[in-house]
Protein backbone atom coordinates (compact mmCIF):
# COMPACT_ATOMS: atom_id res chain seq x y z
CA MET A 1 -6.01 12.97 24.71
CA ALA A 2 -5.97 16.40 26.32
CA PHE A 3 -2.77 17.50 28.09
CA ASP A 4 -4.11 16.87 31.62
CA ASP A 5 -5.54 13.47 30.65
CA LEU A 6 -2.28 12.44 28.97
CA THR A 7 -0.22 13.62 31.97
CA SER A 8 -2.46 11.68 34.35
CA PHE A 9 -2.31 8.58 32.13
CA LEU A 10 1.49 8.73 31.99
CA GLY A 11 1.55 8.95 35.79
CA SER A 12 -0.59 5.83 36.11
CA LEU A 13 1.68 3.93 33.73
CA ILE A 14 4.78 4.93 35.74
CA ASP A 15 3.10 4.02 39.05
CA ASN A 16 2.32 0.50 37.78
CA TRP A 17 5.74 0.37 36.03
CA GLU A 18 6.72 -2.15 33.39
CA ASN A 19 4.80 -5.34 32.69
CA GLU A 20 3.93 -7.34 29.61
CA LEU A 21 1.93 -4.42 28.19
CA VAL A 22 4.17 -1.43 29.00
CA GLU A 23 7.80 -0.67 28.10
CA PHE A 24 9.70 2.50 29.11
CA LYS A 25 12.79 3.81 27.33
CA GLN A 26 14.83 6.99 27.69
CA ALA A 27 15.46 6.72 23.91
CA GLY A 28 18.01 8.93 22.23
CA LYS A 29 17.46 10.61 18.89
CA ASP A 30 18.91 7.61 17.00
CA PHE A 31 16.98 4.84 18.77
CA SER A 32 16.80 1.81 16.46
CA THR A 33 13.68 1.41 14.31
CA GLY A 34 14.37 -2.33 14.30
CA LYS A 35 14.20 -2.41 18.10
CA ILE A 36 10.94 -0.43 18.04
CA GLY A 37 9.54 -3.00 15.59
CA GLN A 38 10.46 -5.83 17.97
CA TYR A 39 8.70 -4.09 20.87
CA PHE A 40 5.70 -3.40 18.63
CA SER A 41 5.38 -7.11 17.77
CA ALA A 42 5.78 -8.12 21.41
CA LEU A 43 3.30 -5.59 22.83
CA ALA A 44 0.70 -6.30 20.11
CA ASN A 45 0.87 -10.05 20.75
CA GLU A 46 0.76 -9.68 24.54
CA ALA A 47 -2.22 -7.30 24.35
CA ASN A 48 -4.06 -9.90 22.28
CA LEU A 49 -3.26 -12.73 24.72
CA ARG A 50 -4.40 -10.66 27.72
CA GLY A 51 -7.59 -9.37 26.11
CA ASP A 52 -6.41 -5.73 26.17
CA ASN A 53 -7.00 -3.23 23.39
CA SER A 54 -3.49 -1.76 23.51
CA GLY A 55 0.05 -2.01 24.71
CA TRP A 56 2.30 1.02 25.34
CA LEU A 57 5.87 1.91 24.41
CA VAL A 58 6.92 5.10 26.23
CA PHE A 59 9.96 7.23 25.31
CA GLY A 60 11.42 9.88 27.60
CA VAL A 61 11.31 8.04 30.96
CA ASN A 62 14.47 6.82 32.70
CA ASN A 63 14.42 3.09 33.49
CA SER A 64 16.41 3.38 36.70
CA SER A 65 14.97 6.48 38.35
CA ARG A 66 11.45 6.00 36.92
CA THR A 67 11.30 9.73 36.22
CA VAL A 68 10.59 11.82 33.13
CA VAL A 69 13.86 12.94 31.52
CA GLY A 70 12.64 13.75 27.99
CA THR A 71 13.58 12.39 24.58
CA GLN A 72 14.87 13.91 21.34
CA TYR A 73 13.64 10.99 19.25
CA ARG A 74 12.31 12.13 15.83
CA PRO A 75 11.15 15.67 16.61
CA GLY A 76 8.31 16.74 14.32
CA ALA A 77 5.01 15.20 13.27
CA GLU A 78 6.22 14.26 9.77
CA ARG A 79 9.11 12.17 11.11
CA LEU A 80 6.82 10.37 13.53
CA GLN A 81 4.41 9.65 10.68
CA GLY A 82 7.37 8.19 8.81
CA LEU A 83 7.92 5.79 11.73
CA LYS A 84 4.31 4.60 11.42
CA ASN A 85 4.98 3.76 7.78
CA ASP A 86 8.24 1.96 8.69
CA ILE A 87 6.44 -0.20 11.25
CA ALA A 88 3.60 -1.01 8.84
CA ASN A 89 6.13 -2.08 6.20
CA GLY A 90 8.04 -4.35 8.58
CA CYS A 91 5.08 -6.05 10.26
CA GLN A 92 3.26 -9.06 8.93
CA PRO A 93 0.35 -8.64 8.59
CA SER A 94 0.74 -4.90 8.08
CA LEU A 95 -0.11 -3.03 11.28
CA THR A 96 1.12 0.16 12.88
CA PHE A 97 0.63 2.39 15.91
CA ARG A 98 -2.95 3.35 16.62
CA GLU A 99 -1.68 6.74 17.77
CA ILE A 100 1.58 8.42 18.77
CA HIS A 101 0.84 10.80 21.65
CA GLU A 102 3.36 13.62 22.15
CA LEU A 103 3.38 15.09 25.66
CA HIS A 104 5.38 18.22 26.47
CA HIS A 105 5.84 17.39 30.13
CA SER A 106 7.38 19.93 32.50
CA ASP A 107 10.42 17.63 32.80
CA GLY A 108 10.81 16.97 29.08
CA ARG A 109 9.19 15.67 25.91
CA VAL A 110 7.50 12.25 26.24
CA LEU A 111 6.24 10.03 23.41
CA LEU A 112 3.55 7.44 24.16
CA PHE A 113 3.25 4.92 21.31
CA GLU A 114 -0.15 3.20 21.42
CA VAL A 115 0.24 -0.34 20.07
CA PRO A 116 -3.02 -2.03 18.96
CA ALA A 117 -3.60 -5.61 20.01
CA ALA A 118 -2.85 -8.23 17.36
CA PRO A 119 -6.07 -9.11 15.49
CA ARG A 120 -7.95 -12.23 16.56
CA GLY A 121 -6.30 -15.31 15.17
CA ILE A 122 -3.27 -13.46 13.72
CA PRO A 123 0.04 -13.08 15.63
CA ILE A 124 2.16 -10.10 14.57
CA SER A 125 5.72 -10.63 13.38
CA TRP A 126 8.50 -8.10 12.79
CA ASN A 127 10.75 -8.86 9.81
CA GLY A 128 9.63 -12.49 9.94
CA HIS A 129 10.13 -13.03 13.70
CA TYR A 130 7.43 -13.21 16.38
CA TYR A 131 8.16 -11.41 19.66
CA ALA A 132 6.65 -11.51 23.14
CA ARG A 133 7.33 -10.21 26.65
CA ASN A 134 8.64 -12.17 29.61
CA GLY A 135 7.87 -9.80 32.46
CA GLU A 136 9.90 -6.68 31.61
CA SER A 137 12.10 -8.45 29.05
CA LEU A 138 11.76 -8.90 25.30
CA SER A 139 11.62 -12.53 24.15
CA SER A 140 10.51 -14.74 21.26
CA LEU A 141 6.84 -15.66 21.03
CA ASP A 142 6.87 -19.37 21.81
CA LEU A 143 4.95 -21.94 19.77
CA GLY A 144 2.33 -22.35 22.49
CA LYS A 145 1.44 -18.66 22.40
CA ILE A 146 1.47 -18.62 18.58
CA ASP A 147 -0.99 -21.53 18.54
CA GLU A 148 -3.12 -19.82 21.21
CA ILE A 149 -3.49 -16.72 19.06
CA ARG A 150 -4.02 -18.63 15.83
CA SER A 151 -6.77 -20.75 17.37
CA GLN A 152 -8.81 -17.65 18.25
CA GLY A 153 -11.98 -17.39 16.26
CA ALA A 154 -11.25 -20.46 14.18
CA ASP A 155 -14.98 -21.10 14.06
CA ASP A 156 -16.01 -17.46 14.46
CA ASP A 157 -17.14 -16.17 11.06
CA TRP A 158 -19.01 -12.88 11.53
CA SER A 159 -20.80 -13.28 8.21
CA ALA A 160 -22.05 -16.78 9.11
CA ALA A 161 -23.98 -15.71 12.21
CA VAL A 162 -27.72 -16.34 11.90
CA VAL A 163 -29.84 -13.25 12.62
CA ALA A 164 -32.67 -14.61 14.74
CA GLN A 165 -35.11 -11.78 13.96
CA ALA A 166 -34.57 -11.93 10.19
CA THR A 167 -36.93 -13.67 7.75
CA VAL A 168 -37.20 -13.92 3.97
CA GLU A 169 -39.43 -10.82 4.16
CA ASP A 170 -36.32 -8.83 5.11
CA LEU A 171 -34.78 -9.61 1.72
CA ASP A 172 -35.21 -7.41 -1.33
CA ARG A 173 -37.27 -9.00 -4.15
CA GLU A 174 -35.27 -7.39 -6.95
CA ALA A 175 -32.03 -8.55 -5.33
CA LEU A 176 -33.41 -12.10 -4.98
CA LEU A 177 -34.23 -12.17 -8.70
CA ALA A 178 -30.78 -10.81 -9.62
CA ALA A 179 -29.20 -13.42 -7.34
CA ARG A 180 -31.07 -16.25 -9.07
CA ASN A 181 -29.90 -15.00 -12.47
CA ALA A 182 -26.31 -14.73 -11.27
CA PHE A 183 -26.45 -18.21 -9.74
CA SER A 184 -27.79 -19.63 -13.01
CA ALA A 185 -24.95 -18.00 -14.94
CA ARG A 186 -22.48 -19.48 -12.48
CA HIS A 187 -24.03 -22.97 -12.79
CA PRO A 188 -25.15 -23.40 -16.42
CA ARG A 189 -25.49 -27.16 -15.96
CA ILE A 190 -28.29 -26.66 -13.46
CA GLY A 191 -30.12 -24.34 -15.86
CA GLU A 192 -32.36 -21.32 -15.43
CA GLU A 193 -35.59 -23.32 -15.38
CA GLU A 194 -34.38 -25.54 -12.55
CA VAL A 195 -33.23 -22.55 -10.49
CA ALA A 196 -36.50 -20.71 -11.18
CA SER A 197 -38.47 -23.70 -9.87
CA TRP A 198 -36.88 -23.56 -6.43
CA ASP A 199 -38.66 -21.78 -3.62
CA ASN A 200 -36.76 -19.05 -1.80
CA ALA A 201 -35.67 -21.31 1.04
CA THR A 202 -34.15 -23.84 -1.37
CA PHE A 203 -32.41 -21.19 -3.44
CA LEU A 204 -30.91 -19.42 -0.41
CA GLU A 205 -29.60 -22.73 0.89
CA ARG A 206 -28.05 -23.66 -2.46
CA ALA A 207 -26.50 -20.18 -2.73
CA LYS A 208 -24.98 -20.72 0.76
CA LEU A 209 -26.78 -17.73 2.24
CA THR A 210 -28.68 -19.57 4.99
CA ILE A 211 -27.72 -22.04 7.70
CA SER A 212 -30.41 -24.57 8.68
CA GLY A 213 -32.97 -22.21 7.18
CA GLY A 214 -31.77 -19.23 9.22
CA ILE A 215 -30.99 -15.91 7.48
CA THR A 216 -27.29 -15.10 7.91
CA ARG A 217 -25.58 -11.74 8.08
CA ALA A 218 -24.09 -12.52 4.66
CA ALA A 219 -27.62 -12.89 3.24
CA LEU A 220 -28.64 -9.50 4.67
CA LEU A 221 -25.51 -7.80 3.34
CA LEU A 222 -26.03 -9.06 -0.20
CA LEU A 223 -29.83 -9.31 -0.48
CA GLY A 224 -31.33 -7.43 2.47
CA ARG A 225 -33.85 -4.63 2.13
CA GLU A 226 -32.45 -1.20 2.90
CA SER A 227 -34.94 -1.00 5.76
CA SER A 228 -33.45 -4.18 7.27
CA ALA A 229 -30.02 -2.63 7.89
CA HIS A 230 -30.85 -2.22 11.60
CA LEU A 231 -30.59 -6.00 11.94
CA LEU A 232 -26.84 -5.65 11.36
CA SER A 233 -26.36 -2.89 13.96
CA PRO A 234 -23.89 -1.50 15.00
CA LEU A 235 -22.47 -2.03 11.49
CA LEU A 236 -22.85 0.99 9.21
CA ALA A 237 -24.13 -1.13 6.32
CA GLU A 238 -23.45 1.20 3.41
CA ILE A 239 -20.99 2.03 0.66
CA THR A 240 -20.19 5.73 0.47
CA TRP A 241 -19.20 7.35 -2.82
CA LYS A 242 -17.31 10.61 -2.30
CA LEU A 243 -16.13 13.11 -4.90
CA ASP A 244 -12.92 14.69 -3.64
CA GLU A 245 -12.50 17.60 -6.03
CA PRO A 246 -13.00 21.37 -5.84
CA GLU A 247 -16.62 20.43 -6.61
CA GLN A 248 -17.41 18.08 -3.72
CA ALA A 249 -20.27 15.60 -3.44
CA TYR A 250 -21.18 12.32 -1.78
CA GLU A 251 -23.86 9.66 -1.75
CA HIS A 252 -24.55 6.66 0.49
CA PHE A 253 -25.64 3.34 -0.98
CA GLY A 254 -27.24 0.90 1.44
CA LEU A 255 -28.47 -2.68 1.24
CA PRO A 256 -28.72 -4.83 -0.82
CA PHE A 257 -25.04 -4.75 -1.76
CA LEU A 258 -25.63 -7.14 -4.68
CA LEU A 259 -27.36 -4.24 -6.45
CA SER A 260 -25.62 -1.31 -4.75
CA THR A 261 -22.15 -2.04 -6.12
CA SER A 262 -23.32 -1.43 -9.70
CA LYS A 263 -25.03 1.78 -8.58
CA VAL A 264 -21.77 2.98 -7.03
CA TYR A 265 -19.93 2.26 -10.29
CA GLU A 266 -22.56 4.18 -12.28
CA ARG A 267 -21.99 7.18 -10.01
CA ILE A 268 -18.33 7.37 -11.05
CA ARG A 269 -17.60 9.72 -13.96
CA ASN A 270 -16.10 7.23 -16.40
CA VAL A 271 -15.33 9.35 -19.46
CA GLN A 272 -13.29 8.49 -22.54
CA VAL A 273 -9.62 9.55 -22.37
CA ARG A 274 -7.16 9.88 -25.25
CA LEU A 275 -3.57 8.68 -25.22
CA MET A 276 -1.12 9.73 -27.95
CA GLN A 277 0.56 6.82 -29.73
CA PRO A 278 4.38 7.12 -29.74
CA GLY A 279 5.88 8.48 -32.95
CA THR A 280 2.54 9.39 -34.51
CA LEU A 281 -0.22 11.96 -34.32
CA LEU A 282 -2.75 9.18 -33.78
CA GLN A 283 -4.66 8.84 -30.54
CA THR A 284 -5.89 5.77 -28.68
CA GLU A 285 -9.22 6.14 -26.91
CA ILE A 286 -9.90 4.20 -23.72
CA GLN A 287 -12.37 4.43 -20.88
CA LYS A 288 -10.92 6.17 -17.85
CA TYR A 289 -11.73 3.12 -15.72
CA ASP A 290 -12.35 -0.50 -16.56
CA ARG A 291 -15.81 -1.44 -15.29
CA LEU A 292 -14.83 -4.97 -14.29
CA SER A 293 -11.77 -3.71 -12.39
CA ILE A 294 -13.79 -1.20 -10.36
CA LEU A 295 -16.45 -3.80 -9.54
CA GLU A 296 -13.75 -6.35 -8.69
CA GLY A 297 -12.22 -3.84 -6.30
CA ILE A 298 -15.55 -2.98 -4.63
CA HIS A 299 -16.51 -6.66 -4.35
CA ASN A 300 -13.14 -7.44 -2.75
CA CYS A 301 -13.83 -4.70 -0.20
CA LEU A 302 -17.17 -6.35 0.59
CA ALA A 303 -15.75 -9.87 0.78
CA HIS A 304 -12.78 -9.10 3.02
CA ALA A 305 -13.87 -6.18 5.22
CA ASP A 306 -13.67 -6.48 9.00
CA TYR A 307 -17.35 -5.91 9.76
CA ARG A 308 -16.73 -6.11 13.50
CA SER A 309 -15.24 -2.62 13.26
CA GLY A 310 -18.67 -1.27 12.27
CA ALA A 311 -17.10 0.81 9.49
CA ARG A 312 -18.60 1.54 6.07
CA ILE A 313 -16.83 0.98 2.76
CA VAL A 314 -15.67 4.22 1.12
CA VAL A 315 -15.15 4.84 -2.60
CA THR A 316 -13.35 8.15 -3.17
CA GLU A 317 -13.26 9.61 -6.69
CA ARG A 318 -10.51 12.06 -7.57
CA HIS A 319 -9.74 13.59 -10.95
CA ASP A 320 -7.20 10.91 -11.86
CA ARG A 321 -7.91 7.92 -9.61
CA ILE A 322 -10.38 5.93 -7.54
CA VAL A 323 -9.53 4.93 -3.95
CA LEU A 324 -11.43 1.99 -2.40
CA GLU A 325 -11.17 1.59 1.37
CA ASN A 326 -12.38 -1.06 3.79
CA ALA A 327 -11.70 -1.84 7.43
CA GLY A 328 -9.43 -4.78 8.22
CA PHE A 329 -5.78 -5.58 7.52
CA PHE A 330 -4.83 -7.55 4.39
CA TYR A 331 -5.82 -10.99 5.64
CA ASP A 332 -3.68 -13.58 3.87
CA GLY A 333 -0.21 -12.65 2.59
CA GLU A 334 0.65 -9.40 0.81
CA PRO A 335 -1.00 -7.84 -2.29
CA GLN A 336 2.09 -8.40 -4.47
CA ASP A 337 1.83 -12.16 -3.77
CA TYR A 338 -1.30 -12.21 -5.94
CA VAL A 339 0.06 -10.18 -8.88
CA VAL A 340 2.88 -12.24 -10.40
CA GLU A 341 2.98 -15.35 -8.23
CA THR A 342 -0.82 -15.94 -8.39
CA ARG A 343 -0.96 -17.08 -4.78
CA THR A 344 -4.08 -18.97 -3.73
CA PRO A 345 -5.60 -17.73 -0.43
CA LYS A 346 -5.49 -20.30 2.35
CA ARG A 347 -8.11 -18.62 4.53
CA TYR A 348 -10.65 -15.82 4.59
CA ARG A 349 -11.90 -13.39 7.19
CA ASN A 350 -15.53 -13.99 6.13
CA PRO A 351 -15.67 -17.55 4.69
CA LEU A 352 -19.45 -17.81 4.32
CA LEU A 353 -19.71 -14.40 2.66
CA VAL A 354 -16.85 -15.27 0.29
CA ASN A 355 -18.55 -18.56 -0.64
CA ALA A 356 -21.91 -16.85 -1.23
CA MET A 357 -20.35 -14.10 -3.38
CA THR A 358 -18.60 -16.81 -5.40
CA GLU A 359 -21.92 -18.57 -5.97
CA LEU A 360 -23.40 -15.27 -7.16
CA ASN A 361 -20.52 -14.63 -9.60
CA MET A 362 -19.27 -11.56 -7.72
CA ILE A 363 -15.74 -12.83 -6.97
CA ASP A 364 -13.58 -15.90 -7.34
CA ARG A 365 -11.91 -17.69 -4.44
CA MET A 366 -8.59 -18.37 -6.14
CA GLY A 367 -6.97 -14.95 -5.75
CA PHE A 368 -7.00 -14.03 -9.46
CA GLY A 369 -8.84 -10.72 -8.95
CA ILE A 370 -5.78 -8.61 -8.07
CA GLN A 371 -3.89 -9.94 -11.09
CA ARG A 372 -6.85 -9.21 -13.37
CA ILE A 373 -6.95 -5.58 -12.23
CA ASN A 374 -3.21 -5.23 -12.88
CA LEU A 375 -3.44 -6.82 -16.34
CA SER A 376 -6.35 -4.56 -17.25
CA GLN A 377 -4.27 -1.49 -16.39
CA VAL A 378 -1.36 -2.82 -18.47
CA LYS A 379 -3.61 -3.39 -21.50
CA ARG A 380 -4.90 0.15 -21.14
CA PHE A 381 -1.35 1.62 -20.73
CA LEU A 382 -2.11 3.11 -17.30
CA PRO A 383 -0.28 2.98 -13.94
CA LEU A 384 -0.72 -0.19 -11.92
CA PRO A 385 -2.92 -0.17 -8.82
CA ASP A 386 -1.44 0.62 -5.41
CA TYR A 387 -2.31 -0.93 -2.05
CA ASP A 388 -1.87 1.22 1.04
CA LEU A 389 -1.64 -0.91 4.18
CA SER A 390 -0.16 1.79 6.42
CA GLY A 391 -3.41 2.69 8.18
CA PRO A 392 -4.26 0.80 11.38
CA ASN A 393 -6.63 -2.06 10.49
CA ALA A 394 -7.44 -0.71 7.03
CA VAL A 395 -6.75 -1.44 3.37
CA ALA A 396 -6.92 1.17 0.59
CA LEU A 397 -6.73 0.23 -3.11
CA THR A 398 -5.97 2.98 -5.67
CA ILE A 399 -6.93 2.41 -9.31
CA TYR A 400 -5.56 5.06 -11.69
CA GLY A 401 -7.52 6.63 -14.52
CA ALA A 402 -4.77 8.86 -15.95
CA ALA A 403 -1.08 8.68 -16.80
CA ILE A 404 1.55 9.65 -14.24
CA ASP A 405 4.54 9.63 -16.61
CA ASP A 406 3.92 9.77 -20.36
CA ASN A 407 7.15 7.83 -20.94
CA TYR A 408 5.72 4.86 -19.03
CA THR A 409 2.56 4.92 -21.16
CA GLU A 410 4.61 5.12 -24.37
CA GLN A 411 6.83 2.23 -23.29
CA LEU A 412 3.77 0.03 -22.69
CA MET A 413 2.39 0.98 -26.10
CA ARG A 414 5.70 0.22 -27.79
CA ASN A 415 6.43 -2.98 -25.79
CA SER A 416 3.10 -4.78 -25.56
CA ASP A 417 4.74 -8.11 -24.63
CA LEU A 418 6.62 -6.95 -21.53
CA PRO A 419 6.53 -9.52 -18.69
CA LEU A 420 4.28 -8.41 -15.86
CA GLY A 421 7.26 -8.41 -13.46
CA ASP A 422 9.05 -5.84 -15.64
CA VAL A 423 5.91 -3.70 -15.84
CA LEU A 424 5.66 -3.79 -12.04
CA ALA A 425 9.25 -2.54 -11.75
CA LEU A 426 8.73 0.13 -14.43
CA ASP A 427 5.62 1.30 -12.61
CA ARG A 428 7.61 1.70 -9.38
CA VAL A 429 10.22 3.77 -11.26
CA GLN A 430 7.59 6.21 -12.56
CA LYS A 431 6.26 6.55 -8.99
CA ASN A 432 9.79 7.21 -7.63
CA LEU A 433 9.71 4.01 -5.57
CA PRO A 434 12.80 1.82 -5.10
CA ILE A 435 13.36 -1.34 -7.13
CA SER A 436 15.90 -4.13 -6.71
CA GLY A 437 19.30 -4.00 -8.38
CA GLU A 438 18.37 -7.05 -10.44
CA ALA A 439 15.19 -5.39 -11.72
CA ALA A 440 17.06 -2.15 -12.49
CA ALA A 441 19.70 -4.04 -14.50
CA ARG A 442 17.01 -5.91 -16.42
CA LEU A 443 15.16 -2.70 -17.31
CA LYS A 444 18.40 -0.99 -18.36
CA ARG A 445 19.33 -3.87 -20.65
CA SER A 446 15.95 -3.44 -22.31
CA HIS A 447 16.50 0.37 -22.56
CA LEU A 448 13.39 0.98 -20.47
CA VAL A 449 15.03 3.12 -17.77
CA GLU A 450 17.99 5.50 -17.49
CA GLY A 451 19.95 7.03 -14.64
CA ARG A 452 21.39 5.39 -11.56
CA ARG A 453 19.65 3.94 -8.56
CA PRO A 454 17.90 5.44 -6.75
CA GLN A 455 17.48 8.29 -9.31
CA LEU A 456 16.11 6.13 -12.11
CA HIS A 457 13.63 7.48 -14.65
CA VAL A 458 11.64 5.87 -17.45
CA SER A 459 13.38 6.22 -20.83
CA SER A 460 11.68 8.30 -23.47
CA VAL A 461 10.31 6.61 -26.57
CA VAL A 462 9.46 9.79 -28.46
CA ALA A 463 9.19 12.54 -25.86
CA ALA A 464 6.24 14.03 -27.71
CA ALA A 465 5.66 17.07 -25.50
CA SER A 466 8.27 19.85 -25.24
CA ASP A 467 8.45 19.73 -21.45
CA THR A 468 8.94 15.96 -21.59
CA ARG A 469 11.77 16.41 -24.14
CA ALA A 470 13.43 18.99 -21.92
CA GLU A 471 13.18 16.76 -18.86
CA TYR A 472 14.55 13.82 -20.84
CA ILE A 473 17.57 15.75 -22.15
CA ARG A 474 18.21 17.29 -18.73
CA THR A 475 18.33 13.90 -16.98
CA ARG A 476 19.93 11.84 -19.76
CA ALA A 477 23.57 10.90 -19.10
CA GLN A 478 26.15 11.78 -21.80
CA SER A 479 29.12 9.55 -22.68
CA ASP A 480 32.47 9.92 -20.92
CA ALA A 481 34.00 10.97 -24.25
CA HIS A 482 31.69 14.00 -24.29
CA TYR A 483 32.80 15.11 -20.81
CA ALA A 484 36.48 14.34 -21.56
CA LYS A 485 36.35 16.62 -24.62
CA LEU A 486 35.05 19.45 -22.45
CA VAL A 487 38.02 18.98 -20.09
CA VAL A 488 40.51 18.88 -22.99
CA ASP A 489 39.01 22.03 -24.55
CA TYR A 490 39.24 23.82 -21.21
CA LEU A 491 42.88 22.85 -20.69
CA ASN A 492 43.78 23.87 -24.26
CA GLU A 493 42.25 27.26 -23.58
CA PHE A 494 43.57 27.95 -20.06
CA GLY A 495 46.59 25.64 -19.70
CA GLU A 496 45.65 24.09 -16.35
CA ALA A 497 42.71 23.67 -13.97
CA THR A 498 42.06 22.86 -10.32
CA ARG A 499 39.53 20.23 -9.26
CA LYS A 500 37.17 23.00 -8.21
CA GLU A 501 37.35 24.59 -11.67
CA LEU A 502 36.69 21.27 -13.39
CA ASN A 503 33.77 20.63 -11.04
CA GLU A 504 32.33 24.02 -12.04
CA LEU A 505 32.90 23.18 -15.71
CA LEU A 506 31.11 19.82 -15.63
CA TRP A 507 28.60 20.13 -12.79
CA SER A 508 25.69 21.68 -14.67
CA LYS A 509 26.31 19.42 -17.67
CA LEU A 510 26.02 16.16 -15.72
CA SER A 511 22.66 14.41 -15.60
CA ASP A 512 20.16 15.88 -13.15
CA ALA A 513 19.32 12.29 -12.23
CA LEU A 514 22.61 12.26 -10.22
CA ASP A 515 22.81 13.70 -6.71
CA ASP A 516 25.80 15.81 -5.55
CA HIS A 517 27.70 12.81 -4.18
CA GLN A 518 27.26 10.90 -7.43
CA LYS A 519 28.36 13.94 -9.46
CA ARG A 520 31.55 14.28 -7.40
CA ASN A 521 32.31 10.59 -7.97
CA LYS A 522 31.58 10.97 -11.69
CA VAL A 523 34.12 13.81 -12.05
CA MET A 524 36.72 11.96 -9.97
CA ASN A 525 36.32 8.77 -12.01
CA LEU A 526 36.51 10.72 -15.28
CA LEU A 527 39.77 12.46 -14.29
CA THR A 528 41.27 9.15 -13.10
CA LYS A 529 40.35 7.53 -16.41
CA MET A 530 41.89 10.42 -18.42
CA ARG A 531 45.09 10.31 -16.30
CA THR A 532 45.40 6.53 -16.68
CA SER A 533 44.98 6.81 -20.45
CA GLY A 534 47.73 9.47 -20.60
CA GLU A 535 45.53 12.39 -21.69
CA ILE A 536 46.15 14.56 -18.63
CA VAL A 537 48.63 14.75 -15.76
CA ASN A 538 48.46 16.11 -12.20
CA ALA A 539 51.11 18.81 -11.89
CA GLY A 540 50.11 19.58 -8.30
CA SER A 541 49.71 17.48 -5.16
CA ARG A 542 47.19 14.80 -4.28
CA SER A 543 45.32 17.17 -1.96
CA LYS A 544 45.61 20.18 -4.32
CA PRO A 545 45.71 18.82 -7.88
CA ARG A 546 46.49 21.00 -10.93
CA TRP A 547 45.49 19.23 -14.10
CA LYS A 548 47.35 19.78 -17.39
CA LEU A 549 47.39 18.13 -20.78
CA THR A 550 50.15 15.55 -21.16
């Protein structure tokens, strides 16, 4: 919003004061993220129940005087963006602010957090708890309201709607033939001859693409002629391939999606890449991307997109990765649920479309696709895929086509039988993401990582390249005996040393994986250990130690 529009809007919110959809806070610089998450859950759920698009959390307005007083909460765009990520991570399903509007009012800085309404049929929780509003107060979302939200759209499947104007003539002949072949492959007991004998109406019914003879939106998406896309308006019925490199390019692929997905894959530059085997001069050649993984990812975008948003599907190619994006939050659970635990989905956003794509051998309905993509990356020694759920009502899947950390690649080559859970943790280490203490201990016992949390790094197998060797040596921790010998040599030479002098002696020699606080603790623990063992003695005071050899 422009300044005048935002100022006017703030005035209207203050005039109407707090209700179930608006909350004002003065908000100091340390206002609790947890409390913001609770308000986010409450406002999102209340907006859904009242049929509004948004709720509003406003910082910088005094509750008592109802006047603008300003707020120092998280100054700077980067810190506010960090809050959006925090909210997305704590909400289930993942959702965050549609926009954070910053208004430099004459009486002080005001932040207007725009909270999107909870999606139809899905209440929003914060850290596992559902919140609501009771007038101006925060409260739990009661079971009646939870059921009210969950019952929304129970029978409302966008993909199952029959398009009254559509006929078989709006379907692409080549796509129909490809669909029959795919259906035959899916159902070998029926046989190709039997499937070929069916007329179009019978086949479309058996493939679950029609309802009582009517052409559904799912049928148009998968088999429709490109010229029939207007029947799905206002949906932008296309998949866009975009090359995001110094040399930029793009291409739009329209209906029928049954054929278009393969055309999108063919547009991607899938060259051979070479990976050096650890301890040898031999190279392993692999394709940059696994064809089945890319198609699985695109088909998942098609199956689970929120078509009510009207948004296209976007496939972005970068030099080392492919990013697949579709509208709609992750619908059932979290991505990691489907990697190791092999969760089975309990529901779908587009049930008829999912069933039809299953009949045409494009996806399965059991949730194995995400695990297959992960296993394919492991077999090819590449980083595991990432899901980004931080965008409002959007999912982005990244599939890597190049190594991030050569040590990770070498460890996968050397340890081909690693459990998938350990590979997941090792992948997070190479991406500088946190892992649990249990996972860190497990990887250390297997000599897969070194350092201390949170500064872990993947252990080197060979460190083939000189810069990798240098980084490995620089971050590798030495034994206490090594550091103790340095202290003893120093004291033999100079007779005594202050703590500051010993810090200066050891600081640059400690692992770069340690931060300053950890280095100070390391030196303190070393000196305590040497004093306890009788090697050195403190000839000074506790506050001003002077260390000497015993």
